[in-house]
Every structure is written in C-alpha cells, then in structure tokens.
C-alpha atoms as a PDB file:
ATOM      1  CA  MET A   1      10.605  25.194 -19.747  1.00  0.00           C
ATOM      2  CA  ARG A   2      10.525  22.272 -17.645  1.00  0.00           C
ATOM      3  CA  GLN A   3      13.414  20.597 -15.860  1.00  0.00           C
ATOM      4  CA  CYS A   4      12.699  17.182 -14.310  1.00  0.00           C
ATOM      5  CA  ILE A   5      14.526  14.186 -12.718  1.00  0.00           C
ATOM      6  CA  ILE A   6      12.465  10.875 -13.267  1.00  0.00           C
ATOM      7  CA  SER A   7      13.749   7.840 -11.112  1.00  0.00           C
ATOM      8  CA  ASP A   8      12.438   4.593  -9.450  1.00  0.00           C
ATOM      9  CA  ASN A   9      15.462   5.179  -6.722  1.00  0.00           C
ATOM     10  CA  SER A  10      13.487   6.454  -3.613  1.00  0.00           C
ATOM     11  CA  PHE A  11      16.836   6.986  -1.945  1.00  0.00           C
ATOM     12  CA  PHE A  12      18.304   9.279  -4.654  1.00  0.00           C
ATOM     13  CA  LEU A  13      15.150  11.169  -4.899  1.00  0.00           C
ATOM     14  CA  LEU A  14      15.311  11.848  -1.176  1.00  0.00           C
ATOM     15  CA  ALA A  15      18.864  13.026  -1.537  1.00  0.00           C
ATOM     16  CA  LEU A  16      17.739  15.437  -4.056  1.00  0.00           C
ATOM     17  CA  GLN A  17      15.125  16.793  -2.156  1.00  0.00           C
ATOM     18  CA  ASP A  18      17.419  18.285   0.436  1.00  0.00           C
ATOM     19  CA  ASP A  19      19.332  20.176  -2.451  1.00  0.00           C
ATOM     20  CA  GLU A  20      19.178  23.849  -2.682  1.00  0.00           C
ATOM     21  CA  VAL A  21      18.655  23.962  -6.393  1.00  0.00           C
ATOM     22  CA  ILE A  22      15.518  21.450  -6.266  1.00  0.00           C
ATOM     23  CA  GLN A  23      13.996  23.511  -2.946  1.00  0.00           C
ATOM     24  CA  ASP A  24      14.327  26.645  -4.965  1.00  0.00           C
ATOM     25  CA  GLY A  25      11.673  25.001  -7.390  1.00  0.00           C
ATOM     26  CA  ASN A  26      13.921  25.244 -10.561  1.00  0.00           C
ATOM     27  CA  VAL A  27      14.299  21.248 -10.996  1.00  0.00           C
ATOM     28  CA  SER A  28      11.201  19.046 -10.260  1.00  0.00           C
ATOM     29  CA  THR A  29      11.482  15.414  -9.391  1.00  0.00           C
ATOM     30  CA  ILE A  30       9.300  12.470  -9.905  1.00  0.00           C
ATOM     31  CA  HIS A  31       9.065   9.051  -8.905  1.00  0.00           C
ATOM     32  CA  SER A  32       8.325   6.774 -11.762  1.00  0.00           C
ATOM     33  CA  TRP A  33       5.548   5.118 -10.306  1.00  0.00           C
ATOM     34  CA  GLN A  34       3.836   8.671 -10.366  1.00  0.00           C
ATOM     35  CA  LEU A  35       3.659   8.831 -14.389  1.00  0.00           C
ATOM     36  CA  ARG A  36       0.708   6.397 -14.934  1.00  0.00           C
ATOM     37  CA  SER A  37      -0.645   8.779 -17.330  1.00  0.00           C
ATOM     38  CA  LYS A  38       0.507   9.868 -20.652  1.00  0.00           C
ATOM     39  CA  CYS A  39      -1.014  13.467 -20.239  1.00  0.00           C
ATOM     40  CA  TYR A  40       1.022  14.286 -17.505  1.00  0.00           C
ATOM     41  CA  LEU A  41       4.094  13.903 -19.725  1.00  0.00           C
ATOM     42  CA  ARG A  42       3.153  16.551 -22.320  1.00  0.00           C
ATOM     43  CA  THR A  43       6.191  17.765 -23.254  1.00  0.00           C
ATOM     44  CA  SER A  44       7.579  20.626 -25.436  1.00  0.00           C
ATOM     45  CA  ILE A  45      10.983  21.035 -27.023  1.00  0.00           C
ATOM     46  CA  SER A  46      12.330  23.337 -24.204  1.00  0.00           C
ATOM     47  CA  ASP A  47      11.790  20.620 -21.613  1.00  0.00           C
ATOM     48  CA  ILE A  48      14.604  18.569 -20.151  1.00  0.00           C
ATOM     49  CA  PHE A  49      13.889  14.956 -18.466  1.00  0.00           C
ATOM     50  CA  ILE A  50      16.740  13.105 -16.708  1.00  0.00           C
ATOM     51  CA  VAL A  51      15.950   9.512 -16.502  1.00  0.00           C
ATOM     52  CA  TYR A  52      17.557   7.419 -13.761  1.00  0.00           C
ATOM     53  CA  ILE A  53      15.664   4.274 -13.742  1.00  0.00           C
ATOM     54  CA  SER A  54      17.143   0.794 -13.110  1.00  0.00           C
ATOM     55  CA  ASP A  55      13.940  -1.211 -13.914  1.00  0.00           C
ATOM     56  CA  ILE A  56      14.336  -1.925 -17.551  1.00  0.00           C
ATOM     57  CA  VAL A  57      10.377  -2.339 -17.812  1.00  0.00           C
ATOM     58  CA  GLU A  58      10.028   0.524 -15.983  1.00  0.00           C
ATOM     59  CA  ARG A  59      12.594   2.660 -17.977  1.00  0.00           C
ATOM     60  CA  HIS A  60      11.047   1.617 -21.354  1.00  0.00           C
ATOM     61  CA  ARG A  61       7.480   2.236 -20.189  1.00  0.00           C
ATOM     62  CA  ILE A  62       8.820   5.834 -19.253  1.00  0.00           C
ATOM     63  CA  LEU A  63      10.992   6.149 -22.446  1.00  0.00           C
ATOM     64  CA  GLY A  64       7.932   5.308 -24.287  1.00  0.00           C
ATOM     65  CA  LEU A  65       6.005   8.026 -22.858  1.00  0.00           C
ATOM     66  CA  LEU A  66       9.010  10.320 -23.493  1.00  0.00           C
ATOM     67  CA  ALA A  67       9.472   9.576 -27.028  1.00  0.00           C
ATOM     68  CA  SER A  68       6.128   9.210 -28.830  1.00  0.00           C
ATOM     69  CA  SER A  69       5.467  10.706 -32.119  1.00  0.00           C
ATOM     70  CA  THR A  70       4.617  14.290 -30.658  1.00  0.00           C
ATOM     71  CA  SER A  71       7.057  14.507 -28.210  1.00  0.00           C
ATOM     72  CA  HIS A  72      10.372  16.632 -28.656  1.00  0.00           C
ATOM     73  CA  CYS A  73      12.089  17.006 -25.418  1.00  0.00           C
ATOM     74  CA  ARG A  74      15.715  16.496 -24.478  1.00  0.00           C
ATOM     75  CA  ILE A  75      16.369  13.259 -22.894  1.00  0.00           C
ATOM     76  CA  ILE A  76      19.503  12.636 -20.422  1.00  0.00           C
ATOM     77  CA  LEU A  77      19.748   9.132 -19.273  1.00  0.00           C
ATOM     78  CA  LEU A  78      21.755   8.365 -16.093  1.00  0.00           C
ATOM     79  CA  TYR A  79      23.379   4.818 -16.801  1.00  0.00           C
ATOM     80  CA  LYS A  80      25.268   2.320 -14.471  1.00  0.00           C
ATOM     81  CA  MET A  81      28.172   1.864 -16.835  1.00  0.00           C
ATOM     82  CA  ASP A  82      31.650   3.037 -17.792  1.00  0.00           C
ATOM     83  CA  VAL A  83      31.524   6.235 -19.955  1.00  0.00           C
ATOM     84  CA  SER A  84      34.546   7.506 -21.463  1.00  0.00           C
ATOM     85  CA  SER A  85      35.904  10.464 -19.232  1.00  0.00           C
ATOM     86  CA  SER A  86      36.331  12.194 -22.744  1.00  0.00           C
ATOM     87  CA  TYR A  87      32.627  12.187 -23.236  1.00  0.00           C
ATOM     88  CA  ALA A  88      31.045  15.586 -22.905  1.00  0.00           C
ATOM     89  CA  PHE A  89      27.661  16.882 -22.625  1.00  0.00           C
ATOM     90  CA  GLN A  90      27.054  17.730 -26.432  1.00  0.00           C
ATOM     91  CA  GLY A  91      25.396  17.138 -29.246  1.00  0.00           C
ATOM     92  CA  PRO A  92      22.270  15.646 -30.435  1.00  0.00           C
ATOM     93  CA  PHE A  93      19.718  14.086 -27.602  1.00  0.00           C
ATOM     94  CA  PRO A  94      19.881  11.483 -25.845  1.00  0.00           C
ATOM     95  CA  TRP A  95      22.556  12.251 -23.912  1.00  0.00           C
ATOM     96  CA  LEU A  96      24.106   9.419 -21.895  1.00  0.00           C
ATOM     97  CA  VAL A  97      25.577  10.094 -18.515  1.00  0.00           C
ATOM     98  CA  SER A  98      27.446   7.762 -15.876  1.00  0.00           C
ATOM     99  CA  GLU A  99      25.227   7.559 -12.602  1.00  0.00           C
ATOM    100  CA  LYS A 100      28.490   8.605 -10.686  1.00  0.00           C
ATOM    101  CA  ILE A 101      28.024  11.933 -11.364  1.00  0.00           C
ATOM    102  CA  SER A 102      28.069  14.564  -8.434  1.00  0.00           C
ATOM    103  CA  PHE A 103      24.895  16.788  -8.090  1.00  0.00           C
ATOM    104  CA  SER A 104      26.777  19.880  -9.204  1.00  0.00           C
ATOM    105  CA  GLU A 105      27.947  18.170 -12.245  1.00  0.00           C
ATOM    106  CA  LEU A 106      24.240  16.523 -12.578  1.00  0.00           C
ATOM    107  CA  TYR A 107      22.809  20.643 -12.853  1.00  0.00           C
ATOM    108  CA  SER A 108      25.836  21.473 -14.947  1.00  0.00           C
ATOM    109  CA  CYS A 109      24.543  18.944 -17.686  1.00  0.00           C
ATOM    110  CA  LEU A 110      20.939  20.318 -16.970  1.00  0.00           C
ATOM    111  CA  TYR A 111      22.470  23.931 -17.635  1.00  0.00           C
ATOM    112  CA  LYS A 112      24.362  23.007 -20.621  1.00  0.00           C
ATOM    113  CA  ALA A 113      21.162  21.048 -21.976  1.00  0.00           C
ATOM    114  CA  SER A 114      18.937  24.069 -21.309  1.00  0.00           C
ATOM    115  CA  LYS A 115      21.199  26.090 -23.568  1.00  0.00           C
ATOM    116  CA  THR A 116      21.559  23.630 -26.414  1.00  0.00           C
ATOM    117  CA  ILE A 117      19.287  23.857 -29.559  1.00  0.00           C
ATOM    118  CA  PHE A 118      16.914  20.961 -29.772  1.00  0.00           C
ATOM    119  CA  ASP A 119      18.468  18.203 -31.945  1.00  0.00           C
ATOM    120  CA  GLN A 120      17.282  14.697 -31.557  1.00  0.00           C
ATOM    121  CA  ARG A 121      19.718  12.214 -32.536  1.00  0.00           C
ATOM    122  CA  GLY A 122      18.489  10.030 -35.338  1.00  0.00           C
ATOM    123  CA  PHE A 123      19.577   6.455 -36.221  1.00  0.00           C
ATOM    124  CA  SER A 124      19.309   4.510 -39.644  1.00  0.00           C
ATOM    125  CA  GLU A 125      17.514   1.723 -40.124  1.00  0.00           C
ATOM    126  CA  GLN A 126      20.372  -0.684 -40.462  1.00  0.00           C
ATOM    127  CA  GLU A 127      21.526   0.683 -37.179  1.00  0.00           C
ATOM    128  CA  MET A 128      18.011   0.145 -35.280  1.00  0.00           C
ATOM    129  CA  ILE A 129      17.961  -3.481 -36.769  1.00  0.00           C
ATOM    130  CA  VAL A 130      21.622  -4.086 -35.609  1.00  0.00           C
ATOM    131  CA  PHE A 131      20.624  -2.641 -32.376  1.00  0.00           C
ATOM    132  CA  ARG A 132      17.492  -5.132 -31.871  1.00  0.00           C
ATOM    133  CA  TYR A 133      19.341  -8.218 -32.674  1.00  0.00           C
ATOM    134  CA  LEU A 134      21.975  -7.374 -30.297  1.00  0.00           C
ATOM    135  CA  CYS A 135      19.685  -7.027 -27.732  1.00  0.00           C
ATOM    136  CA  GLU A 136      17.739 -10.326 -28.649  1.00  0.00           C
ATOM    137  CA  GLY A 137      21.237 -11.909 -28.137  1.00  0.00           C
ATOM    138  CA  TYR A 138      22.538 -12.407 -31.567  1.00  0.00           C
ATOM    139  CA  SER A 139      25.999 -12.901 -32.490  1.00  0.00           C
ATOM    140  CA  VAL A 140      27.412 -10.524 -35.280  1.00  0.00           C
ATOM    141  CA  SER A 141      27.773 -13.837 -37.582  1.00  0.00           C
ATOM    142  CA  GLN A 142      23.995 -14.486 -37.212  1.00  0.00           C
ATOM    143  CA  ILE A 143      23.104 -10.823 -37.483  1.00  0.00           C
ATOM    144  CA  ASN A 144      25.166 -11.223 -40.831  1.00  0.00           C
ATOM    145  CA  LYS A 145      22.697 -13.898 -42.024  1.00  0.00           C
ATOM    146  CA  LEU A 146      19.546 -12.446 -40.737  1.00  0.00           C
ATOM    147  CA  ALA A 147      20.098  -8.960 -42.006  1.00  0.00           C
ATOM    148  CA  GLY A 148      22.087  -9.210 -44.980  1.00  0.00           C
ATOM    149  CA  LEU A 149      24.763  -6.715 -43.411  1.00  0.00           C
ATOM    150  CA  SER A 150      28.430  -7.664 -43.849  1.00  0.00           C
ATOM    151  CA  GLU A 151      30.003  -8.607 -40.419  1.00  0.00           C
ATOM    152  CA  LYS A 152      32.510  -5.621 -41.230  1.00  0.00           C
ATOM    153  CA  HIS A 153      29.406  -3.355 -41.313  1.00  0.00           C
ATOM    154  CA  ILE A 154      28.106  -4.613 -38.199  1.00  0.00           C
ATOM    155  CA  TYR A 155      31.131  -3.982 -36.023  1.00  0.00           C
ATOM    156  CA  TYR A 156      31.393  -0.547 -37.925  1.00  0.00           C
ATOM    157  CA  LEU A 157      27.781   0.282 -36.629  1.00  0.00           C
ATOM    158  CA  ARG A 158      28.356  -1.063 -33.256  1.00  0.00           C
ATOM    159  CA  GLN A 159      32.040   0.837 -32.827  1.00  0.00           C
ATOM    160  CA  LYS A 160      30.137   3.915 -34.177  1.00  0.00           C
ATOM    161  CA  THR A 161      27.478   4.227 -31.729  1.00  0.00           C
ATOM    162  CA  LYS A 162      29.743   3.292 -28.664  1.00  0.00           C
ATOM    163  CA  LYS A 163      32.280   6.060 -29.830  1.00  0.00           C
ATOM    164  CA  MET A 164      29.325   8.807 -30.218  1.00  0.00           C
ATOM    165  CA  PHE A 165      28.275   8.135 -26.837  1.00  0.00           C
ATOM    166  CA  GLY A 166      31.549   7.378 -25.166  1.00  0.00           C
ATOM    167  CA  LEU A 167      30.645   3.732 -24.333  1.00  0.00           C
ATOM    168  CA  ARG A 168      33.341   1.141 -23.287  1.00  0.00           C
ATOM    169  CA  GLY A 169      33.020  -2.637 -23.736  1.00  0.00           C
ATOM    170  CA  ASN A 170      30.536  -4.790 -24.594  1.00  0.00           C
ATOM    171  CA  SER A 171      28.652  -5.443 -21.258  1.00  0.00           C
ATOM    172  CA  ALA A 172      25.114  -5.754 -20.649  1.00  0.00           C
ATOM    173  CA  ALA A 173      24.642  -2.204 -19.813  1.00  0.00           C
ATOM    174  CA  THR A 174      25.879  -1.429 -23.426  1.00  0.00           C
ATOM    175  CA  ILE A 175      23.225  -3.733 -24.853  1.00  0.00           C
ATOM    176  CA  SER A 176      20.447  -2.595 -22.630  1.00  0.00           C
ATOM    177  CA  PHE A 177      21.361   0.912 -23.851  1.00  0.00           C
ATOM    178  CA  TYR A 178      21.167  -0.343 -27.465  1.00  0.00           C
ATOM    179  CA  LEU A 179      17.655  -1.604 -26.460  1.00  0.00           C
ATOM    180  CA  ASP A 180      16.708   2.092 -24.891  1.00  0.00           C
ATOM    181  CA  ILE A 181      17.783   3.842 -28.090  1.00  0.00           C
ATOM    182  CA  SER A 182      15.325   1.342 -29.707  1.00  0.00           C
ATOM    183  CA  LYS A 183      12.458   2.503 -27.325  1.00  0.00           C
ATOM    184  CA  LEU A 184      13.610   6.468 -27.838  1.00  0.00           C
ATOM    185  CA  ASN A 185      12.904   5.876 -31.632  1.00  0.00           C
ATOM    186  CA  PRO A 186       9.135   6.239 -32.416  1.00  0.00           C
ATOM    187  CA  ARG A 187       9.570   4.224 -35.706  1.00  0.00           C
ATOM    188  CA  TRP A 188      10.014   1.002 -33.546  1.00  0.00           C
END
C-alpha cells in the first residue's frame, strides 16, 4: 500500500518533511511538477493519494493521471473551503477535507482511509451534466433549458452533492469542486 501526499505548495511539503511520520517512510511526499509521467502513478486499490494543489490546471492534470480507467486508488482532496464540521472521513472516495486540518488529523484521515474498503463514488449522467454546466457559469434556469431538467431537480442534485461532501455555500471553490468531480470521472 502506497500513501502519498501530492502538492504544488513547497512550504507545505517542507513542513511535512520535518514530521516523524514522513521521516519514518510511512507516507511519501511529491511535488506536483515531479509527476510528468503517467507510469509513475501506476496505482492499485490499496493506494491512497492526498491531493493538495491550488493551481486548477495542475490539479486537473494530476487528477486526470489518478482517475484513468485502469486506476482504482483512494483519493482525498484538500480544499480551501468551509466544510461542515459534521462531515466525517467516510463513505466512497473521493473524500473532501478542509485544508485547515492539522497534521495529526491528516494522518488520522490516512489511517481511516487505509482501513476503508475501496469504493469509488459514482455520479449519474444527469449529475455530471449539471456539474459541467455549473462550472461553465450557467444559471439554473439556463441549465433547465439546455439539459431539459426541471429547475427543482437541478437544485436537488446540487444540494444532494453539497450535503454528500459537507459543502456550504455556492462559492467559486464549490464550483471548482464540481469541476474536479468531473475530472475524476473517466467518462468525461
């Protein structure tokens, strides 16, 4: 089982280097620029990747490498957003975790992920269509006209996803997360 933290934040990775868990070799750290080759990321079901990348293009490139049709790893996304305190590390992957997590909580999250059976969160075609349109900046009424879904159903799908991941509000970070979900789904 490989446990790895991938980030584009050099200061974050340097801070992790001083931690005992990293020094013991239990968890590896990789700067995202080091991942230029897909062969480095050959993954197995037991692998766990924590992704903390603020650059959207770089994050989508890495998520594209991790979410290939042959990849079946556990993915934990660290985000700059408010996540409900009632959201616990559980359920199908990807997991969404606030970047305001302490190192001990981060390692607890890794431990819980390692003890969880592999289960990748699936999204319906309608959910993926709504996510894509939301990310492109369409309003609910525009999505209604384009996708042929009722506005009530579009609101339901959006709320269901936000509740599933413990998200709050309709900030740009929430919309960015919908785009990341799309990148994690190999169908799109």
